[in-house]
Amino acid sequence: MDIAGLRGEALAMADAADEIARRYFGGPVAASAKPDGSPVTAADHEIETALREWIARSLPGHAILGEEEGGALEAGRPTWVIDPIDGTKNFLRGVPVFGTLIALVVHDEVVVAVASAPALDERWDAGTGLGTRRNGRPVRVSAIERLEDAHLQHGGLEFLRDDPVLWERLGELATDSWKTGGMGDFWMHMLVAGGMAEAAFEADLAIWDRAALVCLIEEAGGRATTWSGEGVLHGDGTILSSNGLIHDAVRTRLTTSTRSR
């Protein structure tokens, strides 16, 4: 399989997605609520439609799984997993931290990934054996080994508010680490891939939220698992990305109460 060529296809798709996103961003955008209450905009629909048309035209033997129009991972065919706009709430409010996530899954492995954030002028891409790049330049995770020196990112306080145990554990992580923040969405995981943060964790993610992150983190030398340590692609919707060196320390604090340690 020509991973470099497929990465090139993903980058071209990201160019098309960026053009659409820039056209909508910063002004009034038609939006509605999905059954789960999350917002979807005209930009989401237009980007996914454009990428589906691109794949049908350029890669007709490939399957597609997208946030807005559905699909499934197909064991017998390469499958593109698309999140047309990750960070839709930011997009709606004019916050530039949003991006299109594109991943190619082959035999249950993510082999190509792109996270493109046009309002930030940031483009991250990766391919199996090719490493991870930020705006075309190779990046690596950090070499920080101690939790007390680590910068941690979480996906916001919403997923913690109804769980006092998790709230307590986040407090412990904040106490034990150098710095914590709640950037959320794909961007905090890119901070891990680029060595600006040591770990990022969140919950309640769909496959299109997390598929690209796996390749981008691992090809940068890091590690991505569920909070329980399982594979992310078919996991429980949680994700912990890290530089690998502090992964187990963070995972233990996310899954074990103080009294059990």
C-alpha atoms as a PDB file:
ATOM      1  CA  MET A   1       0.000   0.000   0.000  1.00  0.00           C
ATOM      2  CA  ASP A   2       1.314   3.423  -0.987  1.00  0.00           C
ATOM      3  CA  ILE A   3       1.018   5.231   2.348  1.00  0.00           C
ATOM      4  CA  ALA A   4       2.746   8.357   1.063  1.00  0.00           C
ATOM      5  CA  GLY A   5       0.349   8.549  -1.881  1.00  0.00           C
ATOM      6  CA  LEU A   6      -2.680   8.072   0.358  1.00  0.00           C
ATOM      7  CA  ARG A   7      -1.377  10.730   2.702  1.00  0.00           C
ATOM      8  CA  GLY A   8      -1.209  13.003  -0.331  1.00  0.00           C
ATOM      9  CA  GLU A   9      -4.861  12.264  -1.074  1.00  0.00           C
ATOM     10  CA  ALA A  10      -5.780  13.115   2.526  1.00  0.00           C
ATOM     11  CA  LEU A  11      -3.865  16.387   2.335  1.00  0.00           C
ATOM     12  CA  ALA A  12      -5.649  17.314  -0.879  1.00  0.00           C
ATOM     13  CA  MET A  13      -8.984  16.563   0.780  1.00  0.00           C
ATOM     14  CA  ALA A  14      -7.959  18.785   3.688  1.00  0.00           C
ATOM     15  CA  ASP A  15      -7.241  21.610   1.242  1.00  0.00           C
ATOM     16  CA  ALA A  16     -10.796  21.310  -0.072  1.00  0.00           C
ATOM     17  CA  ALA A  17     -12.217  21.213   3.463  1.00  0.00           C
ATOM     18  CA  ASP A  18     -10.196  24.267   4.520  1.00  0.00           C
ATOM     19  CA  GLU A  19     -11.541  26.291   1.613  1.00  0.00           C
ATOM     20  CA  ILE A  20     -15.116  25.571   2.657  1.00  0.00           C
ATOM     21  CA  ALA A  21     -14.464  26.197   6.357  1.00  0.00           C
ATOM     22  CA  ARG A  22     -12.808  29.555   5.681  1.00  0.00           C
ATOM     23  CA  ARG A  23     -15.799  30.643   3.633  1.00  0.00           C
ATOM     24  CA  TYR A  24     -18.168  30.063   6.543  1.00  0.00           C
ATOM     25  CA  PHE A  25     -16.012  30.911   9.562  1.00  0.00           C
ATOM     26  CA  GLY A  26     -16.429  34.226  11.327  1.00  0.00           C
ATOM     27  CA  GLY A  27     -19.927  35.031  10.119  1.00  0.00           C
ATOM     28  CA  PRO A  28     -23.475  33.799  10.622  1.00  0.00           C
ATOM     29  CA  VAL A  29     -23.692  30.064   9.971  1.00  0.00           C
ATOM     30  CA  ALA A  30     -26.897  28.076   9.576  1.00  0.00           C
ATOM     31  CA  ALA A  31     -26.974  25.460  12.336  1.00  0.00           C
ATOM     32  CA  SER A  32     -29.324  22.946  13.904  1.00  0.00           C
ATOM     33  CA  ALA A  33     -29.275  20.501  16.796  1.00  0.00           C
ATOM     34  CA  LYS A  34     -28.756  16.784  16.226  1.00  0.00           C
ATOM     35  CA  PRO A  35     -30.724  14.209  18.253  1.00  0.00           C
ATOM     36  CA  ASP A  36     -27.957  14.109  20.871  1.00  0.00           C
ATOM     37  CA  GLY A  37     -28.165  17.891  21.290  1.00  0.00           C
ATOM     38  CA  SER A  38     -24.839  18.658  19.616  1.00  0.00           C
ATOM     39  CA  PRO A  39     -24.794  21.333  16.909  1.00  0.00           C
ATOM     40  CA  VAL A  40     -24.260  20.760  13.204  1.00  0.00           C
ATOM     41  CA  THR A  41     -23.712  23.536  10.691  1.00  0.00           C
ATOM     42  CA  ALA A  42     -24.049  24.022   6.964  1.00  0.00           C
ATOM     43  CA  ALA A  43     -20.242  23.915   6.836  1.00  0.00           C
ATOM     44  CA  ASP A  44     -20.189  20.422   8.382  1.00  0.00           C
ATOM     45  CA  HIS A  45     -22.561  19.136   5.726  1.00  0.00           C
ATOM     46  CA  GLU A  46     -20.805  20.832   2.825  1.00  0.00           C
ATOM     47  CA  ILE A  47     -17.352  19.619   3.868  1.00  0.00           C
ATOM     48  CA  GLU A  48     -18.434  16.020   4.339  1.00  0.00           C
ATOM     49  CA  THR A  49     -20.283  16.011   1.015  1.00  0.00           C
ATOM     50  CA  ALA A  50     -17.211  17.396  -0.758  1.00  0.00           C
ATOM     51  CA  LEU A  51     -14.912  14.785   0.790  1.00  0.00           C
ATOM     52  CA  ARG A  52     -17.300  11.957  -0.018  1.00  0.00           C
ATOM     53  CA  GLU A  53     -17.383  13.104  -3.639  1.00  0.00           C
ATOM     54  CA  TRP A  54     -13.581  13.300  -3.668  1.00  0.00           C
ATOM     55  CA  ILE A  55     -13.212   9.734  -2.357  1.00  0.00           C
ATOM     56  CA  ALA A  56     -15.839   8.351  -4.751  1.00  0.00           C
ATOM     57  CA  ARG A  57     -14.023   9.982  -7.652  1.00  0.00           C
ATOM     58  CA  SER A  58     -10.383   9.332  -6.704  1.00  0.00           C
ATOM     59  CA  LEU A  59     -10.573   6.207  -4.524  1.00  0.00           C
ATOM     60  CA  PRO A  60     -13.681   4.346  -5.677  1.00  0.00           C
ATOM     61  CA  GLY A  61     -12.789   1.088  -3.913  1.00  0.00           C
ATOM     62  CA  HIS A  62     -12.704   2.746  -0.513  1.00  0.00           C
ATOM     63  CA  ALA A  63     -15.501   2.966   2.080  1.00  0.00           C
ATOM     64  CA  ILE A  64     -16.501   6.064   4.061  1.00  0.00           C
ATOM     65  CA  LEU A  65     -17.632   6.647   7.647  1.00  0.00           C
ATOM     66  CA  GLY A  66     -18.580  10.264   8.334  1.00  0.00           C
ATOM     67  CA  GLU A  67     -20.121  12.072  11.265  1.00  0.00           C
ATOM     68  CA  GLU A  68     -22.991  13.584   9.327  1.00  0.00           C
ATOM     69  CA  GLU A  69     -23.885  10.935   6.732  1.00  0.00           C
ATOM     70  CA  GLY A  70     -22.915   7.741   8.517  1.00  0.00           C
ATOM     71  CA  GLY A  71     -21.321   4.576   7.201  1.00  0.00           C
ATOM     72  CA  ALA A  72     -19.279   1.880   8.906  1.00  0.00           C
ATOM     73  CA  LEU A  73     -15.776   0.512   9.157  1.00  0.00           C
ATOM     74  CA  GLU A  74     -15.607  -2.231   6.548  1.00  0.00           C
ATOM     75  CA  ALA A  75     -13.214  -5.075   7.309  1.00  0.00           C
ATOM     76  CA  GLY A  76     -12.602  -5.857   3.661  1.00  0.00           C
ATOM     77  CA  ARG A  77     -12.071  -2.313   2.399  1.00  0.00           C
ATOM     78  CA  PRO A  78      -9.977   0.706   3.391  1.00  0.00           C
ATOM     79  CA  THR A  79     -12.325   3.105   5.183  1.00  0.00           C
ATOM     80  CA  TRP A  80     -11.988   6.873   5.434  1.00  0.00           C
ATOM     81  CA  VAL A  81     -13.256   8.244   8.751  1.00  0.00           C
ATOM     82  CA  ILE A  82     -14.245  11.908   8.545  1.00  0.00           C
ATOM     83  CA  ASP A  83     -15.110  14.557  11.109  1.00  0.00           C
ATOM     84  CA  PRO A  84     -15.883  17.576   8.912  1.00  0.00           C
ATOM     85  CA  ILE A  85     -15.566  20.065  11.762  1.00  0.00           C
ATOM     86  CA  ASP A  86     -14.201  18.966  15.109  1.00  0.00           C
ATOM     87  CA  GLY A  87     -14.935  21.758  17.559  1.00  0.00           C
ATOM     88  CA  THR A  88     -18.263  22.852  16.089  1.00  0.00           C
ATOM     89  CA  LYS A  89     -19.170  24.924  19.158  1.00  0.00           C
ATOM     90  CA  ASN A  90     -15.933  26.864  18.765  1.00  0.00           C
ATOM     91  CA  PHE A  91     -16.665  27.299  15.058  1.00  0.00           C
ATOM     92  CA  LEU A  92     -20.105  28.709  15.799  1.00  0.00           C
ATOM     93  CA  ARG A  93     -18.741  31.219  18.323  1.00  0.00           C
ATOM     94  CA  GLY A  94     -15.883  32.421  16.145  1.00  0.00           C
ATOM     95  CA  VAL A  95     -13.199  30.641  18.168  1.00  0.00           C
ATOM     96  CA  PRO A  96     -10.452  29.526  15.757  1.00  0.00           C
ATOM     97  CA  VAL A  97      -9.774  26.204  17.492  1.00  0.00           C
ATOM     98  CA  PHE A  98     -11.606  23.862  15.116  1.00  0.00           C
ATOM     99  CA  GLY A  99     -10.468  21.516  12.389  1.00  0.00           C
ATOM    100  CA  THR A 100     -11.270  18.793   9.901  1.00  0.00           C
ATOM    101  CA  LEU A 101     -10.148  15.296  10.929  1.00  0.00           C
ATOM    102  CA  ILE A 102      -9.455  12.729   8.219  1.00  0.00           C
ATOM    103  CA  ALA A 103      -8.273   9.171   8.915  1.00  0.00           C
ATOM    104  CA  LEU A 104      -7.789   6.082   6.781  1.00  0.00           C
ATOM    105  CA  VAL A 105      -8.380   2.744   8.525  1.00  0.00           C
ATOM    106  CA  VAL A 106      -7.027  -0.453   6.968  1.00  0.00           C
ATOM    107  CA  HIS A 107      -7.380  -3.825   8.736  1.00  0.00           C
ATOM    108  CA  ASP A 108      -8.285  -2.081  11.986  1.00  0.00           C
ATOM    109  CA  GLU A 109      -5.222   0.165  11.891  1.00  0.00           C
ATOM    110  CA  VAL A 110      -5.187   3.901  11.252  1.00  0.00           C
ATOM    111  CA  VAL A 111      -2.531   4.270   8.551  1.00  0.00           C
ATOM    112  CA  VAL A 112      -3.037   7.903   7.451  1.00  0.00           C
ATOM    113  CA  ALA A 113      -4.321  10.894   9.383  1.00  0.00           C
ATOM    114  CA  VAL A 114      -4.738  14.647   8.912  1.00  0.00           C
ATOM    115  CA  ALA A 115      -5.951  17.325  11.318  1.00  0.00           C
ATOM    116  CA  SER A 116      -6.357  20.617   9.494  1.00  0.00           C
ATOM    117  CA  ALA A 117      -7.156  23.828  11.371  1.00  0.00           C
ATOM    118  CA  PRO A 118      -7.411  26.621   8.769  1.00  0.00           C
ATOM    119  CA  ALA A 119      -8.234  29.459  11.163  1.00  0.00           C
ATOM    120  CA  LEU A 120      -5.021  28.677  13.050  1.00  0.00           C
ATOM    121  CA  ASP A 121      -2.999  28.083   9.864  1.00  0.00           C
ATOM    122  CA  GLU A 122      -2.124  24.684  11.309  1.00  0.00           C
ATOM    123  CA  ARG A 123      -1.958  21.381   9.426  1.00  0.00           C
ATOM    124  CA  TRP A 124      -0.901  18.123  11.091  1.00  0.00           C
ATOM    125  CA  ASP A 125      -0.464  14.917   9.105  1.00  0.00           C
ATOM    126  CA  ALA A 126       0.875  11.415   9.667  1.00  0.00           C
ATOM    127  CA  GLY A 127       1.257   8.078   7.944  1.00  0.00           C
ATOM    128  CA  THR A 128       2.440   4.699   9.138  1.00  0.00           C
ATOM    129  CA  GLY A 129       6.222   4.717   9.028  1.00  0.00           C
ATOM    130  CA  LEU A 130       6.309   8.334   7.854  1.00  0.00           C
ATOM    131  CA  GLY A 131       6.152  10.134  11.197  1.00  0.00           C
ATOM    132  CA  THR A 132       4.003  13.124  12.110  1.00  0.00           C
ATOM    133  CA  ARG A 133       4.397  16.579  10.632  1.00  0.00           C
ATOM    134  CA  ARG A 134       3.205  20.012  11.686  1.00  0.00           C
ATOM    135  CA  ASN A 135       2.945  22.355   8.712  1.00  0.00           C
ATOM    136  CA  GLY A 136       5.241  20.054   6.786  1.00  0.00           C
ATOM    137  CA  ARG A 137       7.948  19.768   9.442  1.00  0.00           C
ATOM    138  CA  PRO A 138       8.533  16.633  11.560  1.00  0.00           C
ATOM    139  CA  VAL A 139       7.464  16.751  15.204  1.00  0.00           C
ATOM    140  CA  ARG A 140       7.981  14.498  18.207  1.00  0.00           C
ATOM    141  CA  VAL A 141       6.437  14.130  21.627  1.00  0.00           C
ATOM    142  CA  SER A 142       8.342  15.484  24.620  1.00  0.00           C
ATOM    143  CA  ALA A 143      10.882  13.595  26.704  1.00  0.00           C
ATOM    144  CA  ILE A 144       9.444  14.638  30.074  1.00  0.00           C
ATOM    145  CA  GLU A 145       9.321  11.638  32.400  1.00  0.00           C
ATOM    146  CA  ARG A 146       7.901  12.949  35.666  1.00  0.00           C
ATOM    147  CA  LEU A 147       4.274  13.814  36.288  1.00  0.00           C
ATOM    148  CA  GLU A 148       5.298  16.779  38.414  1.00  0.00           C
ATOM    149  CA  ASP A 149       6.974  18.307  35.333  1.00  0.00           C
ATOM    150  CA  ALA A 150       4.101  17.509  32.957  1.00  0.00           C
ATOM    151  CA  HIS A 151       1.612  19.768  31.198  1.00  0.00           C
ATOM    152  CA  LEU A 152      -1.765  17.999  31.105  1.00  0.00           C
ATOM    153  CA  GLN A 153      -4.827  18.857  29.036  1.00  0.00           C
ATOM    154  CA  HIS A 154      -8.426  17.713  29.594  1.00  0.00           C
ATOM    155  CA  GLY A 155     -11.569  17.934  27.511  1.00  0.00           C
ATOM    156  CA  GLY A 156     -13.397  20.434  29.716  1.00  0.00           C
ATOM    157  CA  LEU A 157     -15.276  20.061  32.971  1.00  0.00           C
ATOM    158  CA  GLU A 158     -18.611  18.983  31.480  1.00  0.00           C
ATOM    159  CA  PHE A 159     -17.846  15.255  31.509  1.00  0.00           C
ATOM    160  CA  LEU A 160     -16.745  15.464  35.150  1.00  0.00           C
ATOM    161  CA  ARG A 161     -19.565  17.477  36.670  1.00  0.00           C
ATOM    162  CA  ASP A 162     -21.849  14.519  37.432  1.00  0.00           C
ATOM    163  CA  ASP A 163     -19.096  12.220  38.687  1.00  0.00           C
ATOM    164  CA  PRO A 164     -17.593  13.268  42.039  1.00  0.00           C
ATOM    165  CA  VAL A 165     -14.988  10.507  41.837  1.00  0.00           C
ATOM    166  CA  LEU A 166     -13.642  11.769  38.520  1.00  0.00           C
ATOM    167  CA  TRP A 167     -13.754  15.302  39.843  1.00  0.00           C
ATOM    168  CA  GLU A 168     -11.576  14.234  42.762  1.00  0.00           C
ATOM    169  CA  ARG A 169      -9.147  12.470  40.427  1.00  0.00           C
ATOM    170  CA  LEU A 170      -8.806  15.538  38.218  1.00  0.00           C
ATOM    171  CA  GLY A 171      -8.017  17.537  41.328  1.00  0.00           C
ATOM    172  CA  GLU A 172      -5.286  15.064  42.191  1.00  0.00           C
ATOM    173  CA  LEU A 173      -3.820  15.328  38.697  1.00  0.00           C
ATOM    174  CA  ALA A 174      -3.875  19.121  38.930  1.00  0.00           C
ATOM    175  CA  THR A 175      -2.062  18.930  42.262  1.00  0.00           C
ATOM    176  CA  ASP A 176       0.514  16.408  41.101  1.00  0.00           C
ATOM    177  CA  SER A 177       1.347  17.915  37.684  1.00  0.00           C
ATOM    178  CA  TRP A 178       3.155  21.061  36.578  1.00  0.00           C
ATOM    179  CA  LYS A 179       0.155  22.567  34.750  1.00  0.00           C
ATOM    180  CA  THR A 180      -3.334  21.593  33.612  1.00  0.00           C
ATOM    181  CA  GLY A 181      -5.690  23.131  31.067  1.00  0.00           C
ATOM    182  CA  GLY A 182      -9.010  22.443  29.374  1.00  0.00           C
ATOM    183  CA  MET A 183      -8.370  23.097  25.681  1.00  0.00           C
ATOM    184  CA  GLY A 184     -10.536  20.185  24.497  1.00  0.00           C
ATOM    185  CA  ASP A 185     -11.187  18.739  21.025  1.00  0.00           C
ATOM    186  CA  PHE A 186      -8.397  17.674  18.661  1.00  0.00           C
ATOM    187  CA  TRP A 187      -6.097  20.600  19.435  1.00  0.00           C
ATOM    188  CA  MET A 188      -4.926  19.433  22.849  1.00  0.00           C
ATOM    189  CA  HIS A 189      -3.838  16.108  21.365  1.00  0.00           C
ATOM    190  CA  MET A 190      -1.820  17.984  18.755  1.00  0.00           C
ATOM    191  CA  LEU A 191      -0.087  19.781  21.619  1.00  0.00           C
ATOM    192  CA  VAL A 192       0.932  16.331  22.857  1.00  0.00           C
ATOM    193  CA  ALA A 193       2.129  15.260  19.405  1.00  0.00           C
ATOM    194  CA  GLY A 194       4.210  18.418  19.119  1.00  0.00           C
ATOM    195  CA  GLY A 195       5.785  18.169  22.560  1.00  0.00           C
ATOM    196  CA  MET A 196       3.972  21.204  24.029  1.00  0.00           C
ATOM    197  CA  ALA A 197       1.962  19.060  26.448  1.00  0.00           C
ATOM    198  CA  GLU A 198       2.647  15.618  27.895  1.00  0.00           C
ATOM    199  CA  ALA A 199      -0.864  14.144  28.053  1.00  0.00           C
ATOM    200  CA  ALA A 200      -4.473  14.886  27.084  1.00  0.00           C
ATOM    201  CA  PHE A 201      -7.616  13.028  28.072  1.00  0.00           C
ATOM    202  CA  GLU A 202     -11.345  13.189  27.434  1.00  0.00           C
ATOM    203  CA  ALA A 203     -14.455  11.015  27.268  1.00  0.00           C
ATOM    204  CA  ASP A 204     -17.644  10.458  25.262  1.00  0.00           C
ATOM    205  CA  LEU A 205     -15.958  10.616  21.860  1.00  0.00           C
ATOM    206  CA  ALA A 206     -17.254   9.052  18.663  1.00  0.00           C
ATOM    207  CA  ILE A 207     -14.947   7.191  16.306  1.00  0.00           C
ATOM    208  CA  TRP A 208     -14.636  10.205  13.987  1.00  0.00           C
ATOM    209  CA  ASP A 209     -13.416  12.288  16.949  1.00  0.00           C
ATOM    210  CA  ARG A 210     -10.630   9.893  17.845  1.00  0.00           C
ATOM    211  CA  ALA A 211      -9.501   7.861  14.803  1.00  0.00           C
ATOM    212  CA  ALA A 212      -7.108  10.444  13.342  1.00  0.00           C
ATOM    213  CA  LEU A 213      -5.641  11.188  16.762  1.00  0.00           C
ATOM    214  CA  VAL A 214      -4.278   7.655  17.123  1.00  0.00           C
ATOM    215  CA  CYS A 215      -2.000   7.872  14.079  1.00  0.00           C
ATOM    216  CA  LEU A 216      -0.971  11.480  14.720  1.00  0.00           C
ATOM    217  CA  ILE A 217       0.087  10.706  18.298  1.00  0.00           C
ATOM    218  CA  GLU A 218       1.719   7.345  17.705  1.00  0.00           C
ATOM    219  CA  GLU A 219       3.695   8.427  14.655  1.00  0.00           C
ATOM    220  CA  ALA A 220       5.055  11.298  16.774  1.00  0.00           C
ATOM    221  CA  GLY A 221       6.413   8.699  19.200  1.00  0.00           C
ATOM    222  CA  GLY A 222       3.585   8.869  21.716  1.00  0.00           C
ATOM    223  CA  ARG A 223       0.890   6.542  22.952  1.00  0.00           C
ATOM    224  CA  ALA A 224      -2.908   6.619  22.660  1.00  0.00           C
ATOM    225  CA  THR A 225      -5.271   4.296  24.542  1.00  0.00           C
ATOM    226  CA  THR A 226      -8.601   4.343  26.308  1.00  0.00           C
ATOM    227  CA  TRP A 227      -8.467   5.207  29.981  1.00  0.00           C
ATOM    228  CA  SER A 228      -8.500   1.483  30.727  1.00  0.00           C
ATOM    229  CA  GLY A 229      -5.539   0.899  28.425  1.00  0.00           C
ATOM    230  CA  GLU A 230      -7.364  -0.636  25.454  1.00  0.00           C
ATOM    231  CA  GLY A 231      -7.166   0.257  21.782  1.00  0.00           C
ATOM    232  CA  VAL A 232      -8.843   3.545  20.932  1.00  0.00           C
ATOM    233  CA  LEU A 233     -10.421   2.628  17.612  1.00  0.00           C
ATOM    234  CA  HIS A 234     -12.989   0.223  19.067  1.00  0.00           C
ATOM    235  CA  GLY A 235     -12.806   1.485  22.639  1.00  0.00           C
ATOM    236  CA  ASP A 236     -15.316   2.920  25.069  1.00  0.00           C
ATOM    237  CA  GLY A 237     -15.158   6.524  23.821  1.00  0.00           C
ATOM    238  CA  THR A 238     -12.430   7.625  26.207  1.00  0.00           C
ATOM    239  CA  ILE A 239      -8.963   8.591  25.067  1.00  0.00           C
ATOM    240  CA  LEU A 240      -5.686   9.303  26.781  1.00  0.00           C
ATOM    241  CA  SER A 241      -2.878  10.506  24.552  1.00  0.00           C
ATOM    242  CA  SER A 242       0.585  11.030  25.958  1.00  0.00           C
ATOM    243  CA  ASN A 243       4.296  11.143  25.277  1.00  0.00           C
ATOM    244  CA  GLY A 244       4.311   7.528  26.476  1.00  0.00           C
ATOM    245  CA  LEU A 245       6.617   8.240  29.387  1.00  0.00           C
ATOM    246  CA  ILE A 246       3.925   9.425  31.788  1.00  0.00           C
ATOM    247  CA  HIS A 247       1.070   7.431  30.257  1.00  0.00           C
ATOM    248  CA  ASP A 248       0.671   4.878  33.018  1.00  0.00           C
ATOM    249  CA  ALA A 249       0.985   7.481  35.763  1.00  0.00           C
ATOM    250  CA  VAL A 250      -1.880   9.524  34.297  1.00  0.00           C
ATOM    251  CA  ARG A 251      -3.967   6.467  33.470  1.00  0.00           C
ATOM    252  CA  THR A 252      -3.650   5.172  37.041  1.00  0.00           C
ATOM    253  CA  ARG A 253      -4.930   8.454  38.427  1.00  0.00           C
ATOM    254  CA  LEU A 254      -7.852   8.501  35.983  1.00  0.00           C
ATOM    255  CA  THR A 255      -8.985   4.978  36.862  1.00  0.00           C
ATOM    256  CA  THR A 256      -7.977   4.403  40.495  1.00  0.00           C
ATOM    257  CA  SER A 257      -9.188   6.176  43.589  1.00  0.00           C
ATOM    258  CA  THR A 258      -6.718   7.650  46.052  1.00  0.00           C
ATOM    259  CA  ARG A 259      -7.631   5.053  48.628  1.00  0.00           C
ATOM    260  CA  SER A 260      -6.707   2.215  46.253  1.00  0.00           C
ATOM    261  CA  ARG A 261      -3.230   3.493  45.426  1.00  0.00           C
END
